[in-house]
Amino acid sequence: MKPEHYDNEKGSLYQFAEDKQLNSYEFDAIKRIMRCRKKGNFVEDINKTVFLLELYKTEYKLKNK
């Protein structure tokens, strides 16, 4: 049984991520934003996305010194 916030009528987010060659941070941020209104925890999900993007920015800077 799939959760209600999974909508794959136009293709899955996983296929989109593969087609766009997204890394795990980019995919996770897009996935969270696409589903946040449907899950019922909008503010919590947005806050998690902000945290994830800050982590991505920090780790990107460390990797690309």
PDB file of N, CA and C in Angstrom:
ATOM      1  N   MET A   1       0.835  -1.170   0.000  1.00  0.00           N
ATOM      2  CA  MET A   1       0.000   0.000   0.000  1.00  0.00           C
ATOM      3  C   MET A   1       0.892   1.249   0.000  1.00  0.00           C
ATOM      4  N   LYS A   2       0.648   2.154  -0.933  1.00  0.00           N
ATOM      5  CA  LYS A   2       1.480   3.348  -1.003  1.00  0.00           C
ATOM      6  C   LYS A   2       0.860   4.486  -0.199  1.00  0.00           C
ATOM      7  N   PRO A   3       1.703   5.301   0.443  1.00  0.00           N
ATOM      8  CA  PRO A   3       1.194   6.462   1.177  1.00  0.00           C
ATOM      9  C   PRO A   3       0.507   7.451   0.222  1.00  0.00           C
ATOM     10  N   GLU A   4      -0.457   8.208   0.738  1.00  0.00           N
ATOM     11  CA  GLU A   4      -1.209   9.147  -0.090  1.00  0.00           C
ATOM     12  C   GLU A   4      -0.320  10.224  -0.719  1.00  0.00           C
ATOM     13  N   HIS A   5       0.779  10.592  -0.045  1.00  0.00           N
ATOM     14  CA  HIS A   5       1.627  11.654  -0.569  1.00  0.00           C
ATOM     15  C   HIS A   5       2.554  11.179  -1.700  1.00  0.00           C
ATOM     16  N   TYR A   6       2.485   9.920  -2.080  1.00  0.00           N
ATOM     17  CA  TYR A   6       3.221   9.403  -3.228  1.00  0.00           C
ATOM     18  C   TYR A   6       2.306   9.478  -4.447  1.00  0.00           C
ATOM     19  N   ASP A   7       2.645  10.350  -5.384  1.00  0.00           N
ATOM     20  CA  ASP A   7       1.841  10.524  -6.592  1.00  0.00           C
ATOM     21  C   ASP A   7       2.742  10.274  -7.795  1.00  0.00           C
ATOM     22  N   ASN A   8       2.606   9.125  -8.413  1.00  0.00           N
ATOM     23  CA  ASN A   8       3.477   8.760  -9.528  1.00  0.00           C
ATOM     24  C   ASN A   8       2.735   8.712 -10.858  1.00  0.00           C
ATOM     25  N   GLU A   9       1.623   9.416 -10.942  1.00  0.00           N
ATOM     26  CA  GLU A   9       0.834   9.391 -12.173  1.00  0.00           C
ATOM     27  C   GLU A   9       1.618   9.902 -13.379  1.00  0.00           C
ATOM     28  N   LYS A  10       2.514  10.843 -13.153  1.00  0.00           N
ATOM     29  CA  LYS A  10       3.295  11.425 -14.250  1.00  0.00           C
ATOM     30  C   LYS A  10       4.747  10.963 -14.200  1.00  0.00           C
ATOM     31  N   GLY A  11       5.000   9.876 -13.523  1.00  0.00           N
ATOM     32  CA  GLY A  11       6.356   9.373 -13.366  1.00  0.00           C
ATOM     33  C   GLY A  11       6.828   9.602 -11.942  1.00  0.00           C
ATOM     34  N   SER A  12       7.745   8.799 -11.506  1.00  0.00           N
ATOM     35  CA  SER A  12       8.205   8.893 -10.125  1.00  0.00           C
ATOM     36  C   SER A  12       9.266   9.970  -9.961  1.00  0.00           C
ATOM     37  N   LEU A  13       9.387  10.455  -8.741  1.00  0.00           N
ATOM     38  CA  LEU A  13      10.469  11.393  -8.429  1.00  0.00           C
ATOM     39  C   LEU A  13      11.822  10.721  -8.592  1.00  0.00           C
ATOM     40  N   TYR A  14      11.852   9.419  -8.388  1.00  0.00           N
ATOM     41  CA  TYR A  14      13.105   8.681  -8.534  1.00  0.00           C
ATOM     42  C   TYR A  14      13.583   8.697  -9.985  1.00  0.00           C
ATOM     43  N   GLN A  15      12.655   8.537 -10.908  1.00  0.00           N
ATOM     44  CA  GLN A  15      13.018   8.605 -12.327  1.00  0.00           C
ATOM     45  C   GLN A  15      13.442  10.020 -12.695  1.00  0.00           C
ATOM     46  N   PHE A  16      12.728  11.028 -12.182  1.00  0.00           N
ATOM     47  CA  PHE A  16      13.096  12.428 -12.404  1.00  0.00           C
ATOM     48  C   PHE A  16      14.522  12.687 -11.925  1.00  0.00           C
ATOM     49  N   ALA A  17      14.840  12.225 -10.709  1.00  0.00           N
ATOM     50  CA  ALA A  17      16.173  12.431 -10.142  1.00  0.00           C
ATOM     51  C   ALA A  17      17.240  11.758 -10.997  1.00  0.00           C
ATOM     52  N   GLU A  18      16.947  10.584 -11.461  1.00  0.00           N
ATOM     53  CA  GLU A  18      17.908   9.876 -12.313  1.00  0.00           C
ATOM     54  C   GLU A  18      18.099  10.610 -13.639  1.00  0.00           C
ATOM     55  N   ASP A  19      17.001  11.049 -14.240  1.00  0.00           N
ATOM     56  CA  ASP A  19      17.076  11.767 -15.514  1.00  0.00           C
ATOM     57  C   ASP A  19      17.872  13.061 -15.393  1.00  0.00           C
ATOM     58  N   LYS A  20      17.750  13.737 -14.246  1.00  0.00           N
ATOM     59  CA  LYS A  20      18.434  15.021 -14.022  1.00  0.00           C
ATOM     60  C   LYS A  20      19.794  14.858 -13.364  1.00  0.00           C
ATOM     61  N   GLN A  21      20.179  13.627 -13.070  1.00  0.00           N
ATOM     62  CA  GLN A  21      21.449  13.295 -12.434  1.00  0.00           C
ATOM     63  C   GLN A  21      21.640  14.051 -11.118  1.00  0.00           C
ATOM     64  N   LEU A  22      20.599  14.036 -10.293  1.00  0.00           N
ATOM     65  CA  LEU A  22      20.657  14.708  -8.998  1.00  0.00           C
ATOM     66  C   LEU A  22      21.438  13.864  -8.001  1.00  0.00           C
ATOM     67  N   ASN A  23      22.164  14.541  -7.116  1.00  0.00           N
ATOM     68  CA  ASN A  23      22.812  13.807  -6.040  1.00  0.00           C
ATOM     69  C   ASN A  23      21.805  13.595  -4.917  1.00  0.00           C
ATOM     70  N   SER A  24      22.203  12.930  -3.859  1.00  0.00           N
ATOM     71  CA  SER A  24      21.248  12.577  -2.800  1.00  0.00           C
ATOM     72  C   SER A  24      20.687  13.795  -2.079  1.00  0.00           C
ATOM     73  N   TYR A  25      21.491  14.830  -1.881  1.00  0.00           N
ATOM     74  CA  TYR A  25      20.993  16.044  -1.230  1.00  0.00           C
ATOM     75  C   TYR A  25      19.925  16.727  -2.088  1.00  0.00           C
ATOM     76  N   GLU A  26      20.225  16.885  -3.360  1.00  0.00           N
ATOM     77  CA  GLU A  26      19.294  17.553  -4.277  1.00  0.00           C
ATOM     78  C   GLU A  26      17.990  16.772  -4.390  1.00  0.00           C
ATOM     79  N   PHE A  27      18.104  15.472  -4.519  1.00  0.00           N
ATOM     80  CA  PHE A  27      16.909  14.642  -4.621  1.00  0.00           C
ATOM     81  C   PHE A  27      16.071  14.739  -3.352  1.00  0.00           C
ATOM     82  N   ASP A  28      16.718  14.631  -2.200  1.00  0.00           N
ATOM     83  CA  ASP A  28      15.979  14.654  -0.947  1.00  0.00           C
ATOM     84  C   ASP A  28      15.267  15.992  -0.749  1.00  0.00           C
ATOM     85  N   ALA A  29      15.921  17.098  -1.071  1.00  0.00           N
ATOM     86  CA  ALA A  29      15.297  18.423  -0.929  1.00  0.00           C
ATOM     87  C   ALA A  29      14.077  18.552  -1.844  1.00  0.00           C
ATOM     88  N   ILE A  30      14.222  18.155  -3.085  1.00  0.00           N
ATOM     89  CA  ILE A  30      13.103  18.235  -4.028  1.00  0.00           C
ATOM     90  C   ILE A  30      11.962  17.330  -3.583  1.00  0.00           C
ATOM     91  N   LYS A  31      12.298  16.132  -3.149  1.00  0.00           N
ATOM     92  CA  LYS A  31      11.276  15.182  -2.686  1.00  0.00           C
ATOM     93  C   LYS A  31      10.499  15.765  -1.514  1.00  0.00           C
ATOM     94  N   ARG A  32      11.194  16.335  -0.548  1.00  0.00           N
ATOM     95  CA  ARG A  32      10.532  16.900   0.625  1.00  0.00           C
ATOM     96  C   ARG A  32       9.617  18.065   0.237  1.00  0.00           C
ATOM     97  N   ILE A  33      10.087  18.931  -0.645  1.00  0.00           N
ATOM     98  CA  ILE A  33       9.285  20.079  -1.069  1.00  0.00           C
ATOM     99  C   ILE A  33       8.052  19.624  -1.841  1.00  0.00           C
ATOM    100  N   MET A  34       8.218  18.644  -2.705  1.00  0.00           N
ATOM    101  CA  MET A  34       7.089  18.160  -3.505  1.00  0.00           C
ATOM    102  C   MET A  34       6.003  17.507  -2.644  1.00  0.00           C
ATOM    103  N   ARG A  35       6.366  16.957  -1.519  1.00  0.00           N
ATOM    104  CA  ARG A  35       5.407  16.203  -0.702  1.00  0.00           C
ATOM    105  C   ARG A  35       4.935  16.925   0.546  1.00  0.00           C
ATOM    106  N   CYS A  36       5.549  18.061   0.910  1.00  0.00           N
ATOM    107  CA  CYS A  36       5.278  18.677   2.215  1.00  0.00           C
ATOM    108  C   CYS A  36       3.822  19.076   2.416  1.00  0.00           C
ATOM    109  N   ARG A  37       3.145  19.551   1.409  1.00  0.00           N
ATOM    110  CA  ARG A  37       1.744  19.946   1.567  1.00  0.00           C
ATOM    111  C   ARG A  37       0.818  18.748   1.675  1.00  0.00           C
ATOM    112  N   LYS A  38       1.209  17.635   1.107  1.00  0.00           N
ATOM    113  CA  LYS A  38       0.353  16.452   1.089  1.00  0.00           C
ATOM    114  C   LYS A  38       0.443  15.626   2.366  1.00  0.00           C
ATOM    115  N   LYS A  39       1.554  15.721   3.074  1.00  0.00           N
ATOM    116  CA  LYS A  39       1.772  14.881   4.250  1.00  0.00           C
ATOM    117  C   LYS A  39       1.081  15.406   5.502  1.00  0.00           C
ATOM    118  N   GLY A  40       0.788  16.698   5.548  1.00  0.00           N
ATOM    119  CA  GLY A  40       0.127  17.260   6.709  1.00  0.00           C
ATOM    120  C   GLY A  40       1.050  17.822   7.774  1.00  0.00           C
ATOM    121  N   ASN A  41       2.347  17.818   7.523  1.00  0.00           N
ATOM    122  CA  ASN A  41       3.338  18.362   8.466  1.00  0.00           C
ATOM    123  C   ASN A  41       4.159  19.440   7.768  1.00  0.00           C
ATOM    124  N   PHE A  42       3.477  20.405   7.162  1.00  0.00           N
ATOM    125  CA  PHE A  42       4.134  21.376   6.285  1.00  0.00           C
ATOM    126  C   PHE A  42       5.328  22.060   6.944  1.00  0.00           C
ATOM    127  N   VAL A  43       5.120  22.702   8.091  1.00  0.00           N
ATOM    128  CA  VAL A  43       6.200  23.464   8.737  1.00  0.00           C
ATOM    129  C   VAL A  43       7.347  22.545   9.125  1.00  0.00           C
ATOM    130  N   GLU A  44       7.037  21.410   9.697  1.00  0.00           N
ATOM    131  CA  GLU A  44       8.078  20.452  10.092  1.00  0.00           C
ATOM    132  C   GLU A  44       8.876  19.992   8.866  1.00  0.00           C
ATOM    133  N   ASP A  45       8.194  19.683   7.794  1.00  0.00           N
ATOM    134  CA  ASP A  45       8.885  19.210   6.587  1.00  0.00           C
ATOM    135  C   ASP A  45       9.729  20.321   5.949  1.00  0.00           C
ATOM    136  N   ILE A  46       9.229  21.551   5.952  1.00  0.00           N
ATOM    137  CA  ILE A  46      10.014  22.666   5.415  1.00  0.00           C
ATOM    138  C   ILE A  46      11.257  22.888   6.275  1.00  0.00           C
ATOM    139  N   ASN A  47      11.098  22.825   7.592  1.00  0.00           N
ATOM    140  CA  ASN A  47      12.251  22.990   8.485  1.00  0.00           C
ATOM    141  C   ASN A  47      13.296  21.905   8.257  1.00  0.00           C
ATOM    142  N   LYS A  48      12.863  20.683   8.023  1.00  0.00           N
ATOM    143  CA  LYS A  48      13.790  19.589   7.721  1.00  0.00           C
ATOM    144  C   LYS A  48      14.512  19.861   6.404  1.00  0.00           C
ATOM    145  N   THR A  49      13.799  20.420   5.446  1.00  0.00           N
ATOM    146  CA  THR A  49      14.406  20.734   4.148  1.00  0.00           C
ATOM    147  C   THR A  49      15.454  21.828   4.298  1.00  0.00           C
ATOM    148  N   VAL A  50      15.150  22.848   5.084  1.00  0.00           N
ATOM    149  CA  VAL A  50      16.109  23.931   5.338  1.00  0.00           C
ATOM    150  C   VAL A  50      17.361  23.362   5.994  1.00  0.00           C
ATOM    151  N   PHE A  51      17.172  22.499   6.998  1.00  0.00           N
ATOM    152  CA  PHE A  51      18.316  21.862   7.659  1.00  0.00           C
ATOM    153  C   PHE A  51      19.150  21.069   6.651  1.00  0.00           C
ATOM    154  N   LEU A  52      18.478  20.295   5.812  1.00  0.00           N
ATOM    155  CA  LEU A  52      19.165  19.493   4.804  1.00  0.00           C
ATOM    156  C   LEU A  52      19.977  20.373   3.852  1.00  0.00           C
ATOM    157  N   LEU A  53      19.403  21.488   3.409  1.00  0.00           N
ATOM    158  CA  LEU A  53      20.102  22.381   2.484  1.00  0.00           C
ATOM    159  C   LEU A  53      21.293  23.055   3.151  1.00  0.00           C
ATOM    160  N   GLU A  54      21.173  23.394   4.426  1.00  0.00           N
ATOM    161  CA  GLU A  54      22.310  23.964   5.158  1.00  0.00           C
ATOM    162  C   GLU A  54      23.435  22.936   5.284  1.00  0.00           C
ATOM    163  N   LEU A  55      23.069  21.692   5.563  1.00  0.00           N
ATOM    164  CA  LEU A  55      24.059  20.616   5.631  1.00  0.00           C
ATOM    165  C   LEU A  55      24.740  20.427   4.282  1.00  0.00           C
ATOM    166  N   TYR A  56      23.968  20.434   3.221  1.00  0.00           N
ATOM    167  CA  TYR A  56      24.513  20.294   1.861  1.00  0.00           C
ATOM    168  C   TYR A  56      25.494  21.419   1.580  1.00  0.00           C
ATOM    169  N   LYS A  57      25.122  22.646   1.905  1.00  0.00           N
ATOM    170  CA  LYS A  57      25.994  23.797   1.665  1.00  0.00           C
ATOM    171  C   LYS A  57      27.302  23.653   2.443  1.00  0.00           C
ATOM    172  N   THR A  58      27.224  23.254   3.712  1.00  0.00           N
ATOM    173  CA  THR A  58      28.414  23.086   4.553  1.00  0.00           C
ATOM    174  C   THR A  58      29.324  21.998   3.990  1.00  0.00           C
ATOM    175  N   GLU A  59      28.740  20.869   3.662  1.00  0.00           N
ATOM    176  CA  GLU A  59      29.566  19.759   3.172  1.00  0.00           C
ATOM    177  C   GLU A  59      30.112  20.036   1.775  1.00  0.00           C
ATOM    178  N   TYR A  60      29.369  20.757   0.965  1.00  0.00           N
ATOM    179  CA  TYR A  60      29.873  21.150  -0.351  1.00  0.00           C
ATOM    180  C   TYR A  60      31.097  22.045  -0.214  1.00  0.00           C
ATOM    181  N   LYS A  61      31.014  23.016   0.706  1.00  0.00           N
ATOM    182  CA  LYS A  61      32.156  23.919   0.928  1.00  0.00           C
ATOM    183  C   LYS A  61      33.384  23.155   1.407  1.00  0.00           C
ATOM    184  N   LEU A  62      33.187  22.213   2.326  1.00  0.00           N
ATOM    185  CA  LEU A  62      34.313  21.419   2.834  1.00  0.00           C
ATOM    186  C   LEU A  62      34.946  20.576   1.734  1.00  0.00           C
ATOM    187  N   LYS A  63      34.118  20.032   0.891  1.00  0.00           N
ATOM    188  CA  LYS A  63      34.606  19.160  -0.197  1.00  0.00           C
ATOM    189  C   LYS A  63      35.332  19.957  -1.279  1.00  0.00           C
ATOM    190  N   ASN A  64      34.946  21.213  -1.481  1.00  0.00           N
ATOM    191  CA  ASN A  64      35.470  22.001  -2.587  1.00  0.00           C
ATOM    192  C   ASN A  64      36.387  23.123  -2.156  1.00  0.00           C
ATOM    193  N   LYS A  65      37.143  22.909  -1.073  1.00  0.00           N
ATOM    194  CA  LYS A  65      38.122  23.917  -0.616  1.00  0.00           C
ATOM    195  C   LYS A  65      39.273  23.993  -1.559  1.00  0.00           C
TER     196      LYS A  65
END
